[in-house]
Amino acid sequence: GTMMAISTALMSEKECKSVVGFSGTIVSDIIQDKIKAKPKVCIIHGESDEVVPCTLGKFTHKFLESNDINSTLHTIPKLEHSINLQGVQLARAFLNKVFKK
């Protein structure tokens, strides 16, 4: 889901205000020359994720920053490929900040 959400938001003609991605990455060589929009992105990734390793979340964050895209990365110790309460709270805080609640 994260790969599709971030890629779609970056390549879209219509601007998307923000994207929250849990345990995901992007295929940078496919979208590198197709970036049209720069939404705020929040990546939340478990450090114990063996399905999509946390290193890919870190890579995605660095890729976004290198393309002048506002990116926030939160890693959660001992979390596998899952979403826990801390992740939900981080996502909520991010969205509240983006939408000024």
PDB file of N, CA and C in Angstrom:
ATOM      1  N   GLY A   1       0.798  -1.204   0.000  1.00  0.00           N
ATOM      2  CA  GLY A   1       0.000   0.000   0.000  1.00  0.00           C
ATOM      3  C   GLY A   1       0.840   1.268   0.000  1.00  0.00           C
ATOM      4  N   THR A   2       1.919   1.275   0.811  1.00  0.00           N
ATOM      5  CA  THR A   2       2.771   2.466   0.899  1.00  0.00           C
ATOM      6  C   THR A   2       3.430   2.768  -0.433  1.00  0.00           C
ATOM      7  N   MET A   3       3.923   1.747  -1.093  1.00  0.00           N
ATOM      8  CA  MET A   3       4.595   1.948  -2.384  1.00  0.00           C
ATOM      9  C   MET A   3       3.640   2.603  -3.380  1.00  0.00           C
ATOM     10  N   MET A   4       2.427   2.096  -3.435  1.00  0.00           N
ATOM     11  CA  MET A   4       1.447   2.631  -4.375  1.00  0.00           C
ATOM     12  C   MET A   4       1.020   4.049  -3.971  1.00  0.00           C
ATOM     13  N   ALA A   5       0.784   4.259  -2.688  1.00  0.00           N
ATOM     14  CA  ALA A   5       0.306   5.566  -2.225  1.00  0.00           C
ATOM     15  C   ALA A   5       1.332   6.668  -2.473  1.00  0.00           C
ATOM     16  N   ILE A   6       2.588   6.423  -2.101  1.00  0.00           N
ATOM     17  CA  ILE A   6       3.611   7.453  -2.290  1.00  0.00           C
ATOM     18  C   ILE A   6       3.861   7.692  -3.777  1.00  0.00           C
ATOM     19  N   SER A   7       3.997   6.625  -4.539  1.00  0.00           N
ATOM     20  CA  SER A   7       4.263   6.773  -5.969  1.00  0.00           C
ATOM     21  C   SER A   7       3.146   7.525  -6.672  1.00  0.00           C
ATOM     22  N   THR A   8       1.912   7.161  -6.384  1.00  0.00           N
ATOM     23  CA  THR A   8       0.761   7.830  -6.999  1.00  0.00           C
ATOM     24  C   THR A   8       0.725   9.306  -6.620  1.00  0.00           C
ATOM     25  N   ALA A   9       0.963   9.608  -5.343  1.00  0.00           N
ATOM     26  CA  ALA A   9       0.932  10.997  -4.890  1.00  0.00           C
ATOM     27  C   ALA A   9       2.027  11.827  -5.557  1.00  0.00           C
ATOM     28  N   LEU A  10       3.204  11.243  -5.739  1.00  0.00           N
ATOM     29  CA  LEU A  10       4.312  11.983  -6.347  1.00  0.00           C
ATOM     30  C   LEU A  10       4.116  12.214  -7.840  1.00  0.00           C
ATOM     31  N   MET A  11       3.483  11.267  -8.520  1.00  0.00           N
ATOM     32  CA  MET A  11       3.344  11.358  -9.973  1.00  0.00           C
ATOM     33  C   MET A  11       2.012  11.963 -10.426  1.00  0.00           C
ATOM     34  N   SER A  12       1.171  12.315  -9.488  1.00  0.00           N
ATOM     35  CA  SER A  12      -0.160  12.802  -9.809  1.00  0.00           C
ATOM     36  C   SER A  12      -0.158  14.243 -10.304  1.00  0.00           C
ATOM     37  N   GLU A  13      -1.020  14.519 -11.285  1.00  0.00           N
ATOM     38  CA  GLU A  13      -1.228  15.891 -11.755  1.00  0.00           C
ATOM     39  C   GLU A  13      -1.920  16.720 -10.673  1.00  0.00           C
ATOM     40  N   LYS A  14      -2.825  16.065  -9.939  1.00  0.00           N
ATOM     41  CA  LYS A  14      -3.523  16.738  -8.846  1.00  0.00           C
ATOM     42  C   LYS A  14      -2.698  16.583  -7.573  1.00  0.00           C
ATOM     43  N   GLU A  15      -2.526  17.680  -6.867  1.00  0.00           N
ATOM     44  CA  GLU A  15      -1.708  17.656  -5.659  1.00  0.00           C
ATOM     45  C   GLU A  15      -2.429  16.952  -4.515  1.00  0.00           C
ATOM     46  N   CYS A  16      -1.720  16.085  -3.867  1.00  0.00           N
ATOM     47  CA  CYS A  16      -2.173  15.394  -2.666  1.00  0.00           C
ATOM     48  C   CYS A  16      -1.465  16.081  -1.505  1.00  0.00           C
ATOM     49  N   LYS A  17      -2.192  16.425  -0.464  1.00  0.00           N
ATOM     50  CA  LYS A  17      -1.604  17.178   0.640  1.00  0.00           C
ATOM     51  C   LYS A  17      -0.634  16.352   1.476  1.00  0.00           C
ATOM     52  N   SER A  18      -0.965  15.074   1.694  1.00  0.00           N
ATOM     53  CA  SER A  18      -0.080  14.255   2.525  1.00  0.00           C
ATOM     54  C   SER A  18      -0.310  12.773   2.279  1.00  0.00           C
ATOM     55  N   VAL A  19       0.711  11.990   2.684  1.00  0.00           N
ATOM     56  CA  VAL A  19       0.639  10.533   2.607  1.00  0.00           C
ATOM     57  C   VAL A  19       1.224   9.983   3.899  1.00  0.00           C
ATOM     58  N   VAL A  20       0.526   9.012   4.487  1.00  0.00           N
ATOM     59  CA  VAL A  20       1.068   8.248   5.616  1.00  0.00           C
ATOM     60  C   VAL A  20       1.308   6.842   5.103  1.00  0.00           C
ATOM     61  N   GLY A  21       2.521   6.350   5.294  1.00  0.00           N
ATOM     62  CA  GLY A  21       2.855   5.008   4.845  1.00  0.00           C
ATOM     63  C   GLY A  21       3.378   4.166   5.991  1.00  0.00           C
ATOM     64  N   PHE A  22       2.844   2.966   6.119  1.00  0.00           N
ATOM     65  CA  PHE A  22       3.297   2.021   7.132  1.00  0.00           C
ATOM     66  C   PHE A  22       4.104   0.917   6.459  1.00  0.00           C
ATOM     67  N   SER A  23       5.333   0.714   6.915  1.00  0.00           N
ATOM     68  CA  SER A  23       6.180  -0.404   6.472  1.00  0.00           C
ATOM     69  C   SER A  23       6.238  -0.535   4.959  1.00  0.00           C
ATOM     70  N   GLY A  24       6.733   0.463   4.291  1.00  0.00           N
ATOM     71  CA  GLY A  24       6.778   0.393   2.837  1.00  0.00           C
ATOM     72  C   GLY A  24       7.994   1.069   2.248  1.00  0.00           C
ATOM     73  N   THR A  25       8.025   1.073   0.938  1.00  0.00           N
ATOM     74  CA  THR A  25       9.133   1.672   0.202  1.00  0.00           C
ATOM     75  C   THR A  25       8.624   2.192  -1.137  1.00  0.00           C
ATOM     76  N   ILE A  26       9.527   2.608  -1.980  1.00  0.00           N
ATOM     77  CA  ILE A  26       9.193   3.038  -3.335  1.00  0.00           C
ATOM     78  C   ILE A  26      10.208   2.445  -4.304  1.00  0.00           C
ATOM     79  N   VAL A  27       9.872   2.464  -5.577  1.00  0.00           N
ATOM     80  CA  VAL A  27      10.813   2.053  -6.613  1.00  0.00           C
ATOM     81  C   VAL A  27      11.327   3.350  -7.228  1.00  0.00           C
ATOM     82  N   SER A  28      12.424   3.842  -6.671  1.00  0.00           N
ATOM     83  CA  SER A  28      12.907   5.183  -7.003  1.00  0.00           C
ATOM     84  C   SER A  28      13.284   5.358  -8.466  1.00  0.00           C
ATOM     85  N   ASP A  29      13.854   4.337  -9.086  1.00  0.00           N
ATOM     86  CA  ASP A  29      14.279   4.514 -10.480  1.00  0.00           C
ATOM     87  C   ASP A  29      13.103   4.635 -11.437  1.00  0.00           C
ATOM     88  N   ILE A  30      11.936   4.147 -11.045  1.00  0.00           N
ATOM     89  CA  ILE A  30      10.747   4.269 -11.885  1.00  0.00           C
ATOM     90  C   ILE A  30      10.134   5.666 -11.767  1.00  0.00           C
ATOM     91  N   ILE A  31      10.133   6.238 -10.569  1.00  0.00           N
ATOM     92  CA  ILE A  31       9.450   7.519 -10.391  1.00  0.00           C
ATOM     93  C   ILE A  31      10.371   8.727 -10.412  1.00  0.00           C
ATOM     94  N   GLN A  32      11.666   8.523 -10.370  1.00  0.00           N
ATOM     95  CA  GLN A  32      12.637   9.626 -10.275  1.00  0.00           C
ATOM     96  C   GLN A  32      12.336  10.764 -11.250  1.00  0.00           C
ATOM     97  N   ASP A  33      12.099  10.476 -12.498  1.00  0.00           N
ATOM     98  CA  ASP A  33      11.880  11.516 -13.500  1.00  0.00           C
ATOM     99  C   ASP A  33      10.403  11.840 -13.720  1.00  0.00           C
ATOM    100  N   LYS A  34       9.528  11.278 -12.879  1.00  0.00           N
ATOM    101  CA  LYS A  34       8.089  11.485 -13.065  1.00  0.00           C
ATOM    102  C   LYS A  34       7.451  12.250 -11.914  1.00  0.00           C
ATOM    103  N   ILE A  35       8.262  12.805 -11.024  1.00  0.00           N
ATOM    104  CA  ILE A  35       7.723  13.517  -9.862  1.00  0.00           C
ATOM    105  C   ILE A  35       7.100  14.840 -10.322  1.00  0.00           C
ATOM    106  N   LYS A  36       5.816  15.000 -10.003  1.00  0.00           N
ATOM    107  CA  LYS A  36       5.086  16.215 -10.365  1.00  0.00           C
ATOM    108  C   LYS A  36       4.562  16.949  -9.131  1.00  0.00           C
ATOM    109  N   ALA A  37       4.399  16.234  -8.032  1.00  0.00           N
ATOM    110  CA  ALA A  37       3.827  16.817  -6.824  1.00  0.00           C
ATOM    111  C   ALA A  37       4.738  16.504  -5.636  1.00  0.00           C
ATOM    112  N   LYS A  38       4.614  17.310  -4.598  1.00  0.00           N
ATOM    113  CA  LYS A  38       5.459  17.138  -3.419  1.00  0.00           C
ATOM    114  C   LYS A  38       4.623  17.177  -2.136  1.00  0.00           C
ATOM    115  N   PRO A  39       3.892  16.098  -1.877  1.00  0.00           N
ATOM    116  CA  PRO A  39       3.104  16.051  -0.646  1.00  0.00           C
ATOM    117  C   PRO A  39       4.002  15.849   0.570  1.00  0.00           C
ATOM    118  N   LYS A  40       3.479  16.172   1.731  1.00  0.00           N
ATOM    119  CA  LYS A  40       4.170  15.843   2.971  1.00  0.00           C
ATOM    120  C   LYS A  40       3.994  14.335   3.185  1.00  0.00           C
ATOM    121  N   VAL A  41       5.076  13.661   3.559  1.00  0.00           N
ATOM    122  CA  VAL A  41       5.032  12.205   3.713  1.00  0.00           C
ATOM    123  C   VAL A  41       5.497  11.820   5.104  1.00  0.00           C
ATOM    124  N   CYS A  42       4.763  10.909   5.717  1.00  0.00           N
ATOM    125  CA  CYS A  42       5.127  10.336   7.009  1.00  0.00           C
ATOM    126  C   CYS A  42       5.267   8.831   6.825  1.00  0.00           C
ATOM    127  N   ILE A  43       6.459   8.320   7.138  1.00  0.00           N
ATOM    128  CA  ILE A  43       6.729   6.894   7.029  1.00  0.00           C
ATOM    129  C   ILE A  43       6.885   6.337   8.440  1.00  0.00           C
ATOM    130  N   ILE A  44       6.142   5.292   8.741  1.00  0.00           N
ATOM    131  CA  ILE A  44       6.198   4.643  10.050  1.00  0.00           C
ATOM    132  C   ILE A  44       6.573   3.193   9.801  1.00  0.00           C
ATOM    133  N   HIS A  45       7.698   2.772  10.401  1.00  0.00           N
ATOM    134  CA  HIS A  45       8.243   1.461  10.043  1.00  0.00           C
ATOM    135  C   HIS A  45       8.742   0.724  11.276  1.00  0.00           C
ATOM    136  N   GLY A  46       8.384  -0.535  11.399  1.00  0.00           N
ATOM    137  CA  GLY A  46       8.875  -1.372  12.486  1.00  0.00           C
ATOM    138  C   GLY A  46      10.315  -1.781  12.243  1.00  0.00           C
ATOM    139  N   GLU A  47      11.131  -1.676  13.275  1.00  0.00           N
ATOM    140  CA  GLU A  47      12.546  -2.021  13.143  1.00  0.00           C
ATOM    141  C   GLU A  47      12.775  -3.526  12.992  1.00  0.00           C
ATOM    142  N   SER A  48      11.789  -4.336  13.367  1.00  0.00           N
ATOM    143  CA  SER A  48      11.921  -5.798  13.256  1.00  0.00           C
ATOM    144  C   SER A  48      11.153  -6.362  12.065  1.00  0.00           C
ATOM    145  N   ASP A  49      10.776  -5.511  11.134  1.00  0.00           N
ATOM    146  CA  ASP A  49      10.023  -5.933   9.953  1.00  0.00           C
ATOM    147  C   ASP A  49      10.923  -6.781   9.046  1.00  0.00           C
ATOM    148  N   GLU A  50      10.518  -8.018   8.811  1.00  0.00           N
ATOM    149  CA  GLU A  50      11.272  -8.898   7.918  1.00  0.00           C
ATOM    150  C   GLU A  50      10.614  -9.001   6.543  1.00  0.00           C
ATOM    151  N   VAL A  51       9.374  -8.512   6.400  1.00  0.00           N
ATOM    152  CA  VAL A  51       8.675  -8.522   5.109  1.00  0.00           C
ATOM    153  C   VAL A  51       9.198  -7.384   4.238  1.00  0.00           C
ATOM    154  N   VAL A  52       9.186  -6.173   4.775  1.00  0.00           N
ATOM    155  CA  VAL A  52       9.765  -4.994   4.129  1.00  0.00           C
ATOM    156  C   VAL A  52      10.748  -4.425   5.163  1.00  0.00           C
ATOM    157  N   PRO A  53      12.019  -4.752   5.034  1.00  0.00           N
ATOM    158  CA  PRO A  53      12.995  -4.329   6.043  1.00  0.00           C
ATOM    159  C   PRO A  53      13.001  -2.815   6.279  1.00  0.00           C
ATOM    160  N   CYS A  54      13.270  -2.446   7.508  1.00  0.00           N
ATOM    161  CA  CYS A  54      13.287  -1.041   7.911  1.00  0.00           C
ATOM    162  C   CYS A  54      14.290  -0.227   7.096  1.00  0.00           C
ATOM    163  N   THR A  55      15.326  -0.864   6.588  1.00  0.00           N
ATOM    164  CA  THR A  55      16.299  -0.154   5.751  1.00  0.00           C
ATOM    165  C   THR A  55      15.630   0.436   4.505  1.00  0.00           C
ATOM    166  N   LEU A  56      14.564  -0.217   4.023  1.00  0.00           N
ATOM    167  CA  LEU A  56      13.845   0.310   2.855  1.00  0.00           C
ATOM    168  C   LEU A  56      13.033   1.550   3.217  1.00  0.00           C
ATOM    169  N   GLY A  57      12.486   1.580   4.421  1.00  0.00           N
ATOM    170  CA  GLY A  57      11.806   2.787   4.884  1.00  0.00           C
ATOM    171  C   GLY A  57      12.776   3.948   4.998  1.00  0.00           C
ATOM    172  N   LYS A  58      13.974   3.657   5.504  1.00  0.00           N
ATOM    173  CA  LYS A  58      15.011   4.683   5.626  1.00  0.00           C
ATOM    174  C   LYS A  58      15.459   5.159   4.237  1.00  0.00           C
ATOM    175  N   PHE A  59      15.594   4.224   3.313  1.00  0.00           N
ATOM    176  CA  PHE A  59      15.947   4.576   1.928  1.00  0.00           C
ATOM    177  C   PHE A  59      14.895   5.504   1.327  1.00  0.00           C
ATOM    178  N   THR A  60      13.625   5.152   1.514  1.00  0.00           N
ATOM    179  CA  THR A  60      12.530   5.960   0.965  1.00  0.00           C
ATOM    180  C   THR A  60      12.567   7.372   1.537  1.00  0.00           C
ATOM    181  N   HIS A  61      12.762   7.470   2.832  1.00  0.00           N
ATOM    182  CA  HIS A  61      12.846   8.774   3.496  1.00  0.00           C
ATOM    183  C   HIS A  61      13.976   9.610   2.893  1.00  0.00           C
ATOM    184  N   LYS A  62      15.149   9.020   2.725  1.00  0.00           N
ATOM    185  CA  LYS A  62      16.294   9.742   2.157  1.00  0.00           C
ATOM    186  C   LYS A  62      16.031  10.145   0.707  1.00  0.00           C
ATOM    187  N   PHE A  63      15.400   9.246  -0.067  1.00  0.00           N
ATOM    188  CA  PHE A  63      15.058   9.564  -1.455  1.00  0.00           C
ATOM    189  C   PHE A  63      14.128  10.767  -1.516  1.00  0.00           C
ATOM    190  N   LEU A  64      13.105  10.763  -0.685  1.00  0.00           N
ATOM    191  CA  LEU A  64      12.152  11.871  -0.678  1.00  0.00           C
ATOM    192  C   LEU A  64      12.844  13.176  -0.311  1.00  0.00           C
ATOM    193  N   GLU A  65      13.641  13.158   0.741  1.00  0.00           N
ATOM    194  CA  GLU A  65      14.352  14.367   1.154  1.00  0.00           C
ATOM    195  C   GLU A  65      15.284  14.872   0.049  1.00  0.00           C
ATOM    196  N   SER A  66      15.945  13.948  -0.653  1.00  0.00           N
ATOM    197  CA  SER A  66      16.866  14.369  -1.714  1.00  0.00           C
ATOM    198  C   SER A  66      16.132  14.982  -2.903  1.00  0.00           C
ATOM    199  N   ASN A  67      14.819  14.783  -2.959  1.00  0.00           N
ATOM    200  CA  ASN A  67      13.996  15.378  -4.010  1.00  0.00           C
ATOM    201  C   ASN A  67      13.137  16.528  -3.466  1.00  0.00           C
ATOM    202  N   ASP A  68      13.590  17.109  -2.364  1.00  0.00           N
ATOM    203  CA  ASP A  68      12.921  18.265  -1.735  1.00  0.00           C
ATOM    204  C   ASP A  68      11.471  17.985  -1.366  1.00  0.00           C
ATOM    205  N   ILE A  69      11.216  16.773  -0.910  1.00  0.00           N
ATOM    206  CA  ILE A  69       9.880  16.395  -0.461  1.00  0.00           C
ATOM    207  C   ILE A  69       9.932  16.265   1.052  1.00  0.00           C
ATOM    208  N   ASN A  70       9.028  16.957   1.720  1.00  0.00           N
ATOM    209  CA  ASN A  70       8.980  16.947   3.175  1.00  0.00           C
ATOM    210  C   ASN A  70       8.633  15.537   3.657  1.00  0.00           C
ATOM    211  N   SER A  71       9.593  14.889   4.291  1.00  0.00           N
ATOM    212  CA  SER A  71       9.411  13.513   4.740  1.00  0.00           C
ATOM    213  C   SER A  71       9.787  13.376   6.207  1.00  0.00           C
ATOM    214  N   THR A  72       8.948  12.656   6.937  1.00  0.00           N
ATOM    215  CA  THR A  72       9.203  12.333   8.337  1.00  0.00           C
ATOM    216  C   THR A  72       9.272  10.821   8.444  1.00  0.00           C
ATOM    217  N   LEU A  73      10.278  10.330   9.160  1.00  0.00           N
ATOM    218  CA  LEU A  73      10.425   8.889   9.361  1.00  0.00           C
ATOM    219  C   LEU A  73      10.374   8.584  10.846  1.00  0.00           C
ATOM    220  N   HIS A  74       9.512   7.639  11.211  1.00  0.00           N
ATOM    221  CA  HIS A  74       9.446   7.124  12.582  1.00  0.00           C
ATOM    222  C   HIS A  74       9.718   5.633  12.518  1.00  0.00           C
ATOM    223  N   THR A  75      10.708   5.170  13.270  1.00  0.00           N
ATOM    224  CA  THR A  75      10.943   3.732  13.375  1.00  0.00           C
ATOM    225  C   THR A  75      10.529   3.295  14.779  1.00  0.00           C
ATOM    226  N   ILE A  76       9.927   2.124  14.841  1.00  0.00           N
ATOM    227  CA  ILE A  76       9.413   1.620  16.110  1.00  0.00           C
ATOM    228  C   ILE A  76      10.166   0.344  16.475  1.00  0.00           C
ATOM    229  N   PRO A  77      10.917   0.382  17.584  1.00  0.00           N
ATOM    230  CA  PRO A  77      11.682  -0.790  18.009  1.00  0.00           C
ATOM    231  C   PRO A  77      10.787  -2.012  18.247  1.00  0.00           C
ATOM    232  N   LYS A  78      11.283  -3.167  17.882  1.00  0.00           N
ATOM    233  CA  LYS A  78      10.655  -4.473  18.116  1.00  0.00           C
ATOM    234  C   LYS A  78       9.334  -4.678  17.380  1.00  0.00           C
ATOM    235  N   LEU A  79       8.944  -3.759  16.512  1.00  0.00           N
ATOM    236  CA  LEU A  79       7.706  -3.928  15.745  1.00  0.00           C
ATOM    237  C   LEU A  79       8.011  -4.637  14.442  1.00  0.00           C
ATOM    238  N   GLU A  80       7.246  -5.690  14.163  1.00  0.00           N
ATOM    239  CA  GLU A  80       7.406  -6.423  12.906  1.00  0.00           C
ATOM    240  C   GLU A  80       6.573  -5.747  11.823  1.00  0.00           C
ATOM    241  N   HIS A  81       6.167  -6.473  10.782  1.00  0.00           N
ATOM    242  CA  HIS A  81       5.381  -5.917   9.679  1.00  0.00           C
ATOM    243  C   HIS A  81       3.931  -5.789  10.149  1.00  0.00           C
ATOM    244  N   SER A  82       3.690  -4.735  10.901  1.00  0.00           N
ATOM    245  CA  SER A  82       2.404  -4.563  11.564  1.00  0.00           C
ATOM    246  C   SER A  82       2.209  -3.086  11.886  1.00  0.00           C
ATOM    247  N   ILE A  83       1.008  -2.761  12.367  1.00  0.00           N
ATOM    248  CA  ILE A  83       0.698  -1.411  12.820  1.00  0.00           C
ATOM    249  C   ILE A  83       0.254  -1.536  14.274  1.00  0.00           C
ATOM    250  N   ASN A  84       0.939  -0.816  15.159  1.00  0.00           N
ATOM    251  CA  ASN A  84       0.545  -0.855  16.567  1.00  0.00           C
ATOM    252  C   ASN A  84      -0.034   0.494  16.980  1.00  0.00           C
ATOM    253  N   LEU A  85      -0.399   0.604  18.252  1.00  0.00           N
ATOM    254  CA  LEU A  85      -1.013   1.833  18.755  1.00  0.00           C
ATOM    255  C   LEU A  85      -0.071   3.026  18.603  1.00  0.00           C
ATOM    256  N   GLN A  86       1.213   2.825  18.855  1.00  0.00           N
ATOM    257  CA  GLN A  86       2.164   3.918  18.696  1.00  0.00           C
ATOM    258  C   GLN A  86       2.180   4.420  17.256  1.00  0.00           C
ATOM    259  N   GLY A  87       2.145   3.519  16.299  1.00  0.00           N
ATOM    260  CA  GLY A  87       2.107   3.907  14.895  1.00  0.00           C
ATOM    261  C   GLY A  87       0.856   4.694  14.552  1.00  0.00           C
ATOM    262  N   VAL A  88      -0.281   4.260  15.071  1.00  0.00           N
ATOM    263  CA  VAL A  88      -1.548   4.972  14.843  1.00  0.00           C
ATOM    264  C   VAL A  88      -1.475   6.373  15.448  1.00  0.00           C
ATOM    265  N   GLN A  89      -0.907   6.473  16.640  1.00  0.00           N
ATOM    266  CA  GLN A  89      -0.789   7.780  17.284  1.00  0.00           C
ATOM    267  C   GLN A  89       0.146   8.708  16.506  1.00  0.00           C
ATOM    268  N   LEU A  90       1.241   8.169  15.981  1.00  0.00           N
ATOM    269  CA  LEU A  90       2.160   8.971  15.168  1.00  0.00           C
ATOM    270  C   LEU A  90       1.476   9.453  13.888  1.00  0.00           C
ATOM    271  N   ALA A  91       0.723   8.560  13.249  1.00  0.00           N
ATOM    272  CA  ALA A  91       0.001   8.924  12.026  1.00  0.00           C
ATOM    273  C   ALA A  91      -1.035  10.012  12.317  1.00  0.00           C
ATOM    274  N   ARG A  92      -1.750   9.849  13.396  1.00  0.00           N
ATOM    275  CA  ARG A  92      -2.777  10.825  13.772  1.00  0.00           C
ATOM    276  C   ARG A  92      -2.158  12.201  14.049  1.00  0.00           C
ATOM    277  N   ALA A  93      -1.056  12.213  14.791  1.00  0.00           N
ATOM    278  CA  ALA A  93      -0.383  13.482  15.101  1.00  0.00           C
ATOM    279  C   ALA A  93       0.105  14.162  13.818  1.00  0.00           C
ATOM    280  N   PHE A  94       0.650  13.376  12.891  1.00  0.00           N
ATOM    281  CA  PHE A  94       1.110  13.916  11.617  1.00  0.00           C
ATOM    282  C   PHE A  94      -0.047  14.540  10.843  1.00  0.00           C
ATOM    283  N   LEU A  95      -1.138  13.792  10.718  1.00  0.00           N
ATOM    284  CA  LEU A  95      -2.284  14.291   9.955  1.00  0.00           C
ATOM    285  C   LEU A  95      -2.912  15.508  10.621  1.00  0.00           C
ATOM    286  N   ASN A  96      -2.973  15.511  11.953  1.00  0.00           N
ATOM    287  CA  ASN A  96      -3.489  16.680  12.655  1.00  0.00           C
ATOM    288  C   ASN A  96      -2.628  17.908  12.385  1.00  0.00           C
ATOM    289  N   LYS A  97      -1.320  17.717  12.337  1.00  0.00           N
ATOM    290  CA  LYS A  97      -0.407  18.831  12.061  1.00  0.00           C
ATOM    291  C   LYS A  97      -0.581  19.320  10.620  1.00  0.00           C
ATOM    292  N   VAL A  98      -0.655  18.392   9.679  1.00  0.00           N
ATOM    293  CA  VAL A  98      -0.818  18.766   8.274  1.00  0.00           C
ATOM    294  C   VAL A  98      -2.129  19.516   8.055  1.00  0.00           C
ATOM    295  N   PHE A  99      -3.182  19.038   8.705  1.00  0.00           N
ATOM    296  CA  PHE A  99      -4.501  19.627   8.500  1.00  0.00           C
ATOM    297  C   PHE A  99      -4.869  20.605   9.617  1.00  0.00           C
ATOM    298  N   LYS A 100      -3.872  20.964  10.443  1.00  0.00           N
ATOM    299  CA  LYS A 100      -3.999  22.001  11.490  1.00  0.00           C
ATOM    300  C   LYS A 100      -5.161  21.796  12.446  1.00  0.00           C
ATOM    301  N   LYS A 101      -5.259  20.609  13.013  1.00  0.00           N
ATOM    302  CA  LYS A 101      -6.315  20.367  14.016  1.00  0.00           C
ATOM    303  C   LYS A 101      -5.755  20.498  15.396  1.00  0.00           C
TER     304      LYS A 101
END
